[in-house]
Amino acid sequence: MSRAPGIVFVEGRDGRRAAVASCGLEVWEIVATWREGGESWPTLVQAYPELSEVQLHTALSYYALYPQEIDERLVVEEMWTPERVAAERRAR
C-alpha cells in the first residue's frame, strides 16, 4: 500500500482486489470505464462525478504499477455477459 497511497484491498470469494479508499469502487471498474471512454480523462471524470480527481488518478496510478493484475481482472469481468449470468442462475 505504500507504493499506492489511497488504495485499499477488499476480499472477495475469488481473492483480494484493489479498490479506491472511501468510495467502494474497485480499480478494475474505473480502468474499464476509462478504456471504454477511449482513455479520455474528461470522459472518466464525467462518468464518476462522485469521485475526486485525486481518487481517479489513484486508480490509474495503481493500474500503471500493476497492469497485469488489473488486466487479468478485466478478462474475468468481460466473461460475465447477460447470457452467462442467466445460465449461472439457472444452474443453481
PDB file of N, CA and C in Angstrom:
ATOM      1  N   MET A   1       0.815  -1.193   0.000  1.00  0.00           N
ATOM      2  CA  MET A   1       0.000   0.000   0.000  1.00  0.00           C
ATOM      3  C   MET A   1       0.858   1.257   0.000  1.00  0.00           C
ATOM      4  N   SER A   2       2.107   1.144   0.417  1.00  0.00           N
ATOM      5  CA  SER A   2       2.965   2.328   0.423  1.00  0.00           C
ATOM      6  C   SER A   2       3.304   2.772  -0.999  1.00  0.00           C
ATOM      7  N   ARG A   3       3.284   1.849  -1.952  1.00  0.00           N
ATOM      8  CA  ARG A   3       3.538   2.223  -3.351  1.00  0.00           C
ATOM      9  C   ARG A   3       2.325   2.868  -3.988  1.00  0.00           C
ATOM     10  N   ALA A   4       1.160   2.651  -3.414  1.00  0.00           N
ATOM     11  CA  ALA A   4      -0.076   3.167  -3.999  1.00  0.00           C
ATOM     12  C   ALA A   4      -0.975   3.762  -2.914  1.00  0.00           C
ATOM     13  N   PRO A   5      -0.618   4.941  -2.401  1.00  0.00           N
ATOM     14  CA  PRO A   5      -1.467   5.569  -1.387  1.00  0.00           C
ATOM     15  C   PRO A   5      -2.877   5.802  -1.932  1.00  0.00           C
ATOM     16  N   GLY A   6      -3.857   5.580  -1.076  1.00  0.00           N
ATOM     17  CA  GLY A   6      -5.248   5.769  -1.486  1.00  0.00           C
ATOM     18  C   GLY A   6      -5.899   4.495  -1.989  1.00  0.00           C
ATOM     19  N   ILE A   7      -5.128   3.418  -2.008  1.00  0.00           N
ATOM     20  CA  ILE A   7      -5.657   2.117  -2.428  1.00  0.00           C
ATOM     21  C   ILE A   7      -5.820   1.234  -1.192  1.00  0.00           C
ATOM     22  N   VAL A   8      -6.933   0.562  -1.117  1.00  0.00           N
ATOM     23  CA  VAL A   8      -7.181  -0.440  -0.086  1.00  0.00           C
ATOM     24  C   VAL A   8      -7.467  -1.753  -0.794  1.00  0.00           C
ATOM     25  N   PHE A   9      -7.525  -2.812  -0.045  1.00  0.00           N
ATOM     26  CA  PHE A   9      -7.803  -4.111  -0.644  1.00  0.00           C
ATOM     27  C   PHE A   9      -9.052  -4.701  -0.027  1.00  0.00           C
ATOM     28  N   VAL A  10      -9.888  -5.241  -0.894  1.00  0.00           N
ATOM     29  CA  VAL A  10     -11.124  -5.887  -0.460  1.00  0.00           C
ATOM     30  C   VAL A  10     -11.004  -7.374  -0.752  1.00  0.00           C
ATOM     31  N   GLU A  11     -11.632  -8.149   0.103  1.00  0.00           N
ATOM     32  CA  GLU A  11     -11.629  -9.595  -0.073  1.00  0.00           C
ATOM     33  C   GLU A  11     -12.932 -10.023  -0.734  1.00  0.00           C
ATOM     34  N   GLY A  12     -12.805 -10.830  -1.740  1.00  0.00           N
ATOM     35  CA  GLY A  12     -13.962 -11.395  -2.408  1.00  0.00           C
ATOM     36  C   GLY A  12     -13.823 -12.896  -2.444  1.00  0.00           C
ATOM     37  N   ARG A  13     -14.822 -13.555  -2.931  1.00  0.00           N
ATOM     38  CA  ARG A  13     -14.747 -15.019  -2.953  1.00  0.00           C
ATOM     39  C   ARG A  13     -13.635 -15.519  -3.873  1.00  0.00           C
ATOM     40  N   ASP A  14     -13.174 -14.650  -4.771  1.00  0.00           N
ATOM     41  CA  ASP A  14     -12.092 -15.043  -5.667  1.00  0.00           C
ATOM     42  C   ASP A  14     -10.785 -14.340  -5.323  1.00  0.00           C
ATOM     43  N   GLY A  15     -10.661 -13.851  -4.091  1.00  0.00           N
ATOM     44  CA  GLY A  15      -9.400 -13.286  -3.638  1.00  0.00           C
ATOM     45  C   GLY A  15      -9.421 -11.794  -3.392  1.00  0.00           C
ATOM     46  N   ARG A  16      -8.259 -11.270  -3.169  1.00  0.00           N
ATOM     47  CA  ARG A  16      -8.047  -9.871  -2.831  1.00  0.00           C
ATOM     48  C   ARG A  16      -8.040  -9.013  -4.088  1.00  0.00           C
ATOM     49  N   ARG A  17      -8.703  -7.845  -3.990  1.00  0.00           N
ATOM     50  CA  ARG A  17      -8.757  -6.937  -5.132  1.00  0.00           C
ATOM     51  C   ARG A  17      -8.509  -5.506  -4.664  1.00  0.00           C
ATOM     52  N   ALA A  18      -7.868  -4.731  -5.527  1.00  0.00           N
ATOM     53  CA  ALA A  18      -7.560  -3.338  -5.219  1.00  0.00           C
ATOM     54  C   ALA A  18      -8.790  -2.468  -5.416  1.00  0.00           C
ATOM     55  N   ALA A  19      -8.999  -1.550  -4.463  1.00  0.00           N
ATOM     56  CA  ALA A  19     -10.118  -0.613  -4.534  1.00  0.00           C
ATOM     57  C   ALA A  19      -9.636   0.773  -4.106  1.00  0.00           C
ATOM     58  N   VAL A  20     -10.361   1.772  -4.527  1.00  0.00           N
ATOM     59  CA  VAL A  20     -10.043   3.138  -4.131  1.00  0.00           C
ATOM     60  C   VAL A  20     -10.656   3.380  -2.752  1.00  0.00           C
ATOM     61  N   ALA A  21      -9.832   3.865  -1.838  1.00  0.00           N
ATOM     62  CA  ALA A  21     -10.286   4.111  -0.467  1.00  0.00           C
ATOM     63  C   ALA A  21     -11.465   5.080  -0.444  1.00  0.00           C
ATOM     64  N   SER A  22     -12.372   4.831   0.458  1.00  0.00           N
ATOM     65  CA  SER A  22     -13.507   5.717   0.746  1.00  0.00           C
ATOM     66  C   SER A  22     -14.560   5.810  -0.337  1.00  0.00           C
ATOM     67  N   CYS A  23     -14.510   4.938  -1.341  1.00  0.00           N
ATOM     68  CA  CYS A  23     -15.571   5.033  -2.354  1.00  0.00           C
ATOM     69  C   CYS A  23     -16.188   3.685  -2.691  1.00  0.00           C
ATOM     70  N   GLY A  24     -15.507   2.599  -2.407  1.00  0.00           N
ATOM     71  CA  GLY A  24     -16.064   1.285  -2.669  1.00  0.00           C
ATOM     72  C   GLY A  24     -15.874   0.758  -4.075  1.00  0.00           C
ATOM     73  N   LEU A  25     -15.356   1.578  -4.969  1.00  0.00           N
ATOM     74  CA  LEU A  25     -15.134   1.114  -6.339  1.00  0.00           C
ATOM     75  C   LEU A  25     -13.783   0.423  -6.447  1.00  0.00           C
ATOM     76  N   GLU A  26     -13.787  -0.672  -7.177  1.00  0.00           N
ATOM     77  CA  GLU A  26     -12.538  -1.375  -7.404  1.00  0.00           C
ATOM     78  C   GLU A  26     -11.806  -0.742  -8.587  1.00  0.00           C
ATOM     79  N   VAL A  27     -10.482  -0.872  -8.560  1.00  0.00           N
ATOM     80  CA  VAL A  27      -9.652  -0.251  -9.594  1.00  0.00           C
ATOM     81  C   VAL A  27     -10.050  -0.740 -10.978  1.00  0.00           C
ATOM     82  N   TRP A  28     -10.329  -2.033 -11.125  1.00  0.00           N
ATOM     83  CA  TRP A  28     -10.662  -2.566 -12.451  1.00  0.00           C
ATOM     84  C   TRP A  28     -11.902  -1.872 -13.017  1.00  0.00           C
ATOM     85  N   GLU A  29     -12.857  -1.505 -12.163  1.00  0.00           N
ATOM     86  CA  GLU A  29     -14.073  -0.854 -12.646  1.00  0.00           C
ATOM     87  C   GLU A  29     -13.753   0.512 -13.266  1.00  0.00           C
ATOM     88  N   ILE A  30     -12.893   1.256 -12.601  1.00  0.00           N
ATOM     89  CA  ILE A  30     -12.512   2.576 -13.098  1.00  0.00           C
ATOM     90  C   ILE A  30     -11.696   2.448 -14.373  1.00  0.00           C
ATOM     91  N   VAL A  31     -10.777   1.485 -14.402  1.00  0.00           N
ATOM     92  CA  VAL A  31      -9.958   1.276 -15.596  1.00  0.00           C
ATOM     93  C   VAL A  31     -10.832   0.841 -16.776  1.00  0.00           C
ATOM     94  N   ALA A  32     -11.808  -0.016 -16.523  1.00  0.00           N
ATOM     95  CA  ALA A  32     -12.712  -0.446 -17.600  1.00  0.00           C
ATOM     96  C   ALA A  32     -13.461   0.750 -18.183  1.00  0.00           C
ATOM     97  N   THR A  33     -13.949   1.624 -17.324  1.00  0.00           N
ATOM     98  CA  THR A  33     -14.660   2.815 -17.785  1.00  0.00           C
ATOM     99  C   THR A  33     -13.722   3.727 -18.569  1.00  0.00           C
ATOM    100  N   TRP A  34     -12.515   3.884 -18.079  1.00  0.00           N
ATOM    101  CA  TRP A  34     -11.508   4.719 -18.747  1.00  0.00           C
ATOM    102  C   TRP A  34     -11.222   4.190 -20.143  1.00  0.00           C
ATOM    103  N   ARG A  35     -11.060   2.877 -20.263  1.00  0.00           N
ATOM    104  CA  ARG A  35     -10.803   2.277 -21.581  1.00  0.00           C
ATOM    105  C   ARG A  35     -12.009   2.431 -22.500  1.00  0.00           C
ATOM    106  N   GLU A  36     -13.202   2.156 -21.971  1.00  0.00           N
ATOM    107  CA  GLU A  36     -14.414   2.261 -22.787  1.00  0.00           C
ATOM    108  C   GLU A  36     -14.612   3.684 -23.298  1.00  0.00           C
ATOM    109  N   GLY A  37     -14.128   4.656 -22.546  1.00  0.00           N
ATOM    110  CA  GLY A  37     -14.237   6.053 -22.940  1.00  0.00           C
ATOM    111  C   GLY A  37     -13.072   6.527 -23.785  1.00  0.00           C
ATOM    112  N   GLY A  38     -12.316   5.588 -24.352  1.00  0.00           N
ATOM    113  CA  GLY A  38     -11.202   5.950 -25.213  1.00  0.00           C
ATOM    114  C   GLY A  38     -10.008   6.514 -24.462  1.00  0.00           C
ATOM    115  N   GLU A  39      -9.911   6.151 -23.180  1.00  0.00           N
ATOM    116  CA  GLU A  39      -8.830   6.626 -22.306  1.00  0.00           C
ATOM    117  C   GLU A  39      -8.812   8.147 -22.222  1.00  0.00           C
ATOM    118  N   SER A  40     -10.012   8.697 -22.225  1.00  0.00           N
ATOM    119  CA  SER A  40     -10.198  10.147 -22.154  1.00  0.00           C
ATOM    120  C   SER A  40     -10.415  10.564 -20.700  1.00  0.00           C
ATOM    121  N   TRP A  41      -9.561  11.469 -20.240  1.00  0.00           N
ATOM    122  CA  TRP A  41      -9.705  11.959 -18.866  1.00  0.00           C
ATOM    123  C   TRP A  41     -11.052  12.671 -18.655  1.00  0.00           C
ATOM    124  N   PRO A  42     -11.463  13.595 -19.520  1.00  0.00           N
ATOM    125  CA  PRO A  42     -12.763  14.257 -19.304  1.00  0.00           C
ATOM    126  C   PRO A  42     -13.936  13.268 -19.254  1.00  0.00           C
ATOM    127  N   THR A  43     -13.882  12.239 -20.074  1.00  0.00           N
ATOM    128  CA  THR A  43     -14.945  11.231 -20.072  1.00  0.00           C
ATOM    129  C   THR A  43     -14.954  10.470 -18.753  1.00  0.00           C
ATOM    130  N   LEU A  44     -13.774  10.144 -18.242  1.00  0.00           N
ATOM    131  CA  LEU A  44     -13.685   9.434 -16.961  1.00  0.00           C
ATOM    132  C   LEU A  44     -14.226  10.299 -15.825  1.00  0.00           C
ATOM    133  N   VAL A  45     -13.850  11.553 -15.806  1.00  0.00           N
ATOM    134  CA  VAL A  45     -14.332  12.468 -14.765  1.00  0.00           C
ATOM    135  C   VAL A  45     -15.854  12.584 -14.829  1.00  0.00           C
ATOM    136  N   GLN A  46     -16.395  12.651 -16.030  1.00  0.00           N
ATOM    137  CA  GLN A  46     -17.847  12.755 -16.198  1.00  0.00           C
ATOM    138  C   GLN A  46     -18.547  11.469 -15.755  1.00  0.00           C
ATOM    139  N   ALA A  47     -17.913  10.325 -15.955  1.00  0.00           N
ATOM    140  CA  ALA A  47     -18.521   9.040 -15.588  1.00  0.00           C
ATOM    141  C   ALA A  47     -18.608   8.853 -14.077  1.00  0.00           C
ATOM    142  N   TYR A  48     -17.717   9.503 -13.345  1.00  0.00           N
ATOM    143  CA  TYR A  48     -17.675   9.353 -11.887  1.00  0.00           C
ATOM    144  C   TYR A  48     -17.715  10.712 -11.197  1.00  0.00           C
ATOM    145  N   PRO A  49     -18.832  11.421 -11.281  1.00  0.00           N
ATOM    146  CA  PRO A  49     -18.893  12.755 -10.669  1.00  0.00           C
ATOM    147  C   PRO A  49     -18.767  12.714  -9.146  1.00  0.00           C
ATOM    148  N   GLU A  50     -19.027  11.552  -8.549  1.00  0.00           N
ATOM    149  CA  GLU A  50     -18.945  11.435  -7.097  1.00  0.00           C
ATOM    150  C   GLU A  50     -17.512  11.249  -6.594  1.00  0.00           C
ATOM    151  N   LEU A  51     -16.568  11.014  -7.512  1.00  0.00           N
ATOM    152  CA  LEU A  51     -15.174  10.824  -7.131  1.00  0.00           C
ATOM    153  C   LEU A  51     -14.358  12.077  -7.411  1.00  0.00           C
ATOM    154  N   SER A  52     -13.361  12.283  -6.583  1.00  0.00           N
ATOM    155  CA  SER A  52     -12.459  13.410  -6.827  1.00  0.00           C
ATOM    156  C   SER A  52     -11.453  13.017  -7.908  1.00  0.00           C
ATOM    157  N   GLU A  53     -10.833  14.019  -8.489  1.00  0.00           N
ATOM    158  CA  GLU A  53      -9.808  13.730  -9.488  1.00  0.00           C
ATOM    159  C   GLU A  53      -8.642  12.976  -8.852  1.00  0.00           C
ATOM    160  N   VAL A  54      -8.369  13.238  -7.589  1.00  0.00           N
ATOM    161  CA  VAL A  54      -7.308  12.508  -6.887  1.00  0.00           C
ATOM    162  C   VAL A  54      -7.647  11.023  -6.818  1.00  0.00           C
ATOM    163  N   GLN A  55      -8.893  10.695  -6.520  1.00  0.00           N
ATOM    164  CA  GLN A  55      -9.293   9.281  -6.461  1.00  0.00           C
ATOM    165  C   GLN A  55      -9.148   8.611  -7.823  1.00  0.00           C
ATOM    166  N   LEU A  56      -9.534   9.311  -8.875  1.00  0.00           N
ATOM    167  CA  LEU A  56      -9.408   8.744 -10.216  1.00  0.00           C
ATOM    168  C   LEU A  56      -7.941   8.565 -10.600  1.00  0.00           C
ATOM    169  N   HIS A  57      -7.120   9.550 -10.283  1.00  0.00           N
ATOM    170  CA  HIS A  57      -5.680   9.428 -10.546  1.00  0.00           C
ATOM    171  C   HIS A  57      -5.094   8.267  -9.751  1.00  0.00           C
ATOM    172  N   THR A  58      -5.564   8.081  -8.541  1.00  0.00           N
ATOM    173  CA  THR A  58      -5.092   6.976  -7.698  1.00  0.00           C
ATOM    174  C   THR A  58      -5.346   5.638  -8.374  1.00  0.00           C
ATOM    175  N   ALA A  59      -6.541   5.468  -8.920  1.00  0.00           N
ATOM    176  CA  ALA A  59      -6.874   4.208  -9.601  1.00  0.00           C
ATOM    177  C   ALA A  59      -5.986   3.995 -10.822  1.00  0.00           C
ATOM    178  N   LEU A  60      -5.821   5.031 -11.629  1.00  0.00           N
ATOM    179  CA  LEU A  60      -4.995   4.892 -12.828  1.00  0.00           C
ATOM    180  C   LEU A  60      -3.526   4.703 -12.472  1.00  0.00           C
ATOM    181  N   SER A  61      -3.076   5.304 -11.387  1.00  0.00           N
ATOM    182  CA  SER A  61      -1.692   5.109 -10.939  1.00  0.00           C
ATOM    183  C   SER A  61      -1.460   3.674 -10.485  1.00  0.00           C
ATOM    184  N   TYR A  62      -2.447   3.119  -9.799  1.00  0.00           N
ATOM    185  CA  TYR A  62      -2.327   1.719  -9.376  1.00  0.00           C
ATOM    186  C   TYR A  62      -2.245   0.824 -10.616  1.00  0.00           C
ATOM    187  N   TYR A  63      -3.069   1.119 -11.584  1.00  0.00           N
ATOM    188  CA  TYR A  63      -3.046   0.355 -12.831  1.00  0.00           C
ATOM    189  C   TYR A  63      -1.681   0.451 -13.505  1.00  0.00           C
ATOM    190  N   ALA A  64      -1.078   1.618 -13.484  1.00  0.00           N
ATOM    191  CA  ALA A  64       0.254   1.781 -14.081  1.00  0.00           C
ATOM    192  C   ALA A  64       1.295   0.933 -13.350  1.00  0.00           C
ATOM    193  N   LEU A  65       1.127   0.782 -12.053  1.00  0.00           N
ATOM    194  CA  LEU A  65       2.053  -0.030 -11.265  1.00  0.00           C
ATOM    195  C   LEU A  65       1.823  -1.534 -11.443  1.00  0.00           C
ATOM    196  N   TYR A  66       0.576  -1.923 -11.570  1.00  0.00           N
ATOM    197  CA  TYR A  66       0.221  -3.347 -11.594  1.00  0.00           C
ATOM    198  C   TYR A  66      -0.728  -3.673 -12.754  1.00  0.00           C
ATOM    199  N   PRO A  67      -0.312  -3.412 -13.980  1.00  0.00           N
ATOM    200  CA  PRO A  67      -1.220  -3.620 -15.120  1.00  0.00           C
ATOM    201  C   PRO A  67      -1.650  -5.076 -15.299  1.00  0.00           C
ATOM    202  N   GLN A  68      -0.770  -6.012 -15.049  1.00  0.00           N
ATOM    203  CA  GLN A  68      -1.140  -7.423 -15.247  1.00  0.00           C
ATOM    204  C   GLN A  68      -2.276  -7.829 -14.317  1.00  0.00           C
ATOM    205  N   GLU A  69      -2.211  -7.399 -13.063  1.00  0.00           N
ATOM    206  CA  GLU A  69      -3.267  -7.722 -12.097  1.00  0.00           C
ATOM    207  C   GLU A  69      -4.628  -7.212 -12.572  1.00  0.00           C
ATOM    208  N   ILE A  70      -4.653  -5.966 -13.003  1.00  0.00           N
ATOM    209  CA  ILE A  70      -5.921  -5.364 -13.421  1.00  0.00           C
ATOM    210  C   ILE A  70      -6.373  -5.938 -14.757  1.00  0.00           C
ATOM    211  N   ASP A  71      -5.465  -6.148 -15.686  1.00  0.00           N
ATOM    212  CA  ASP A  71      -5.833  -6.737 -16.976  1.00  0.00           C
ATOM    213  C   ASP A  71      -6.424  -8.131 -16.794  1.00  0.00           C
ATOM    214  N   GLU A  72      -5.886  -8.915 -15.870  1.00  0.00           N
ATOM    215  CA  GLU A  72      -6.437 -10.243 -15.608  1.00  0.00           C
ATOM    216  C   GLU A  72      -7.852 -10.141 -15.065  1.00  0.00           C
ATOM    217  N   ARG A  73      -8.103  -9.188 -14.179  1.00  0.00           N
ATOM    218  CA  ARG A  73      -9.451  -8.989 -13.634  1.00  0.00           C
ATOM    219  C   ARG A  73     -10.407  -8.541 -14.736  1.00  0.00           C
ATOM    220  N   LEU A  74      -9.947  -7.678 -15.635  1.00  0.00           N
ATOM    221  CA  LEU A  74     -10.793  -7.219 -16.731  1.00  0.00           C
ATOM    222  C   LEU A  74     -11.211  -8.386 -17.621  1.00  0.00           C
ATOM    223  N   VAL A  75     -10.326  -9.323 -17.865  1.00  0.00           N
ATOM    224  CA  VAL A  75     -10.663 -10.502 -18.666  1.00  0.00           C
ATOM    225  C   VAL A  75     -11.752 -11.309 -17.968  1.00  0.00           C
ATOM    226  N   VAL A  76     -11.604 -11.512 -16.672  1.00  0.00           N
ATOM    227  CA  VAL A  76     -12.615 -12.259 -15.904  1.00  0.00           C
ATOM    228  C   VAL A  76     -13.962 -11.549 -15.979  1.00  0.00           C
ATOM    229  N   GLU A  77     -13.961 -10.250 -15.794  1.00  0.00           N
ATOM    230  CA  GLU A  77     -15.214  -9.493 -15.796  1.00  0.00           C
ATOM    231  C   GLU A  77     -15.872  -9.458 -17.168  1.00  0.00           C
ATOM    232  N   GLU A  78     -15.088  -9.472 -18.241  1.00  0.00           N
ATOM    233  CA  GLU A  78     -15.651  -9.480 -19.594  1.00  0.00           C
ATOM    234  C   GLU A  78     -16.432 -10.759 -19.869  1.00  0.00           C
ATOM    235  N   MET A  79     -16.113 -11.818 -19.161  1.00  0.00           N
ATOM    236  CA  MET A  79     -16.803 -13.097 -19.368  1.00  0.00           C
ATOM    237  C   MET A  79     -18.220 -13.075 -18.803  1.00  0.00           C
ATOM    238  N   TRP A  80     -18.543 -12.088 -17.955  1.00  0.00           N
ATOM    239  CA  TRP A  80     -19.877 -12.027 -17.356  1.00  0.00           C
ATOM    240  C   TRP A  80     -20.852 -11.297 -18.277  1.00  0.00           C
ATOM    241  N   THR A  81     -21.295 -12.014 -19.281  1.00  0.00           N
ATOM    242  CA  THR A  81     -22.297 -11.473 -20.191  1.00  0.00           C
ATOM    243  C   THR A  81     -23.679 -11.725 -19.595  1.00  0.00           C
ATOM    244  N   PRO A  82     -24.709 -11.040 -20.056  1.00  0.00           N
ATOM    245  CA  PRO A  82     -26.056 -11.320 -19.560  1.00  0.00           C
ATOM    246  C   PRO A  82     -26.450 -12.786 -19.745  1.00  0.00           C
ATOM    247  N   GLU A  83     -26.010 -13.381 -20.847  1.00  0.00           N
ATOM    248  CA  GLU A  83     -26.331 -14.791 -21.097  1.00  0.00           C
ATOM    249  C   GLU A  83     -25.651 -15.696 -20.072  1.00  0.00           C
ATOM    250  N   ARG A  84     -24.416 -15.398 -19.751  1.00  0.00           N
ATOM    251  CA  ARG A  84     -23.708 -16.225 -18.771  1.00  0.00           C
ATOM    252  C   ARG A  84     -24.328 -16.071 -17.388  1.00  0.00           C
ATOM    253  N   VAL A  85     -24.694 -14.864 -17.009  1.00  0.00           N
ATOM    254  CA  VAL A  85     -25.330 -14.645 -15.717  1.00  0.00           C
ATOM    255  C   VAL A  85     -26.634 -15.437 -15.630  1.00  0.00           C
ATOM    256  N   ALA A  86     -27.428 -15.392 -16.679  1.00  0.00           N
ATOM    257  CA  ALA A  86     -28.690 -16.147 -16.704  1.00  0.00           C
ATOM    258  C   ALA A  86     -28.429 -17.638 -16.588  1.00  0.00           C
ATOM    259  N   ALA A  87     -27.435 -18.146 -17.288  1.00  0.00           N
ATOM    260  CA  ALA A  87     -27.095 -19.564 -17.220  1.00  0.00           C
ATOM    261  C   ALA A  87     -26.637 -19.957 -15.819  1.00  0.00           C
ATOM    262  N   GLU A  88     -25.846 -19.103 -15.191  1.00  0.00           N
ATOM    263  CA  GLU A  88     -25.367 -19.362 -13.820  1.00  0.00           C
ATOM    264  C   GLU A  88     -26.548 -19.434 -12.847  1.00  0.00           C
ATOM    265  N   ARG A  89     -27.498 -18.547 -13.020  1.00  0.00           N
ATOM    266  CA  ARG A  89     -28.681 -18.534 -12.150  1.00  0.00           C
ATOM    267  C   ARG A  89     -29.525 -19.796 -12.336  1.00  0.00           C
ATOM    268  N   ARG A  90     -29.679 -20.223 -13.586  1.00  0.00           N
ATOM    269  CA  ARG A  90     -30.450 -21.443 -13.852  1.00  0.00           C
ATOM    270  C   ARG A  90     -29.768 -22.663 -13.269  1.00  0.00           C
ATOM    271  N   ALA A  91     -28.449 -22.672 -13.239  1.00  0.00           N
ATOM    272  CA  ALA A  91     -27.684 -23.827 -12.762  1.00  0.00           C
ATOM    273  C   ALA A  91     -27.800 -23.987 -11.241  1.00  0.00           C
ATOM    274  N   ARG A  92     -28.172 -22.943 -10.550  1.00  0.00           N
ATOM    275  CA  ARG A  92     -28.264 -23.017  -9.076  1.00  0.00           C
ATOM    276  C   ARG A  92     -29.541 -23.609  -8.709  1.00  0.00           C
TER     277      ARG A  92
END
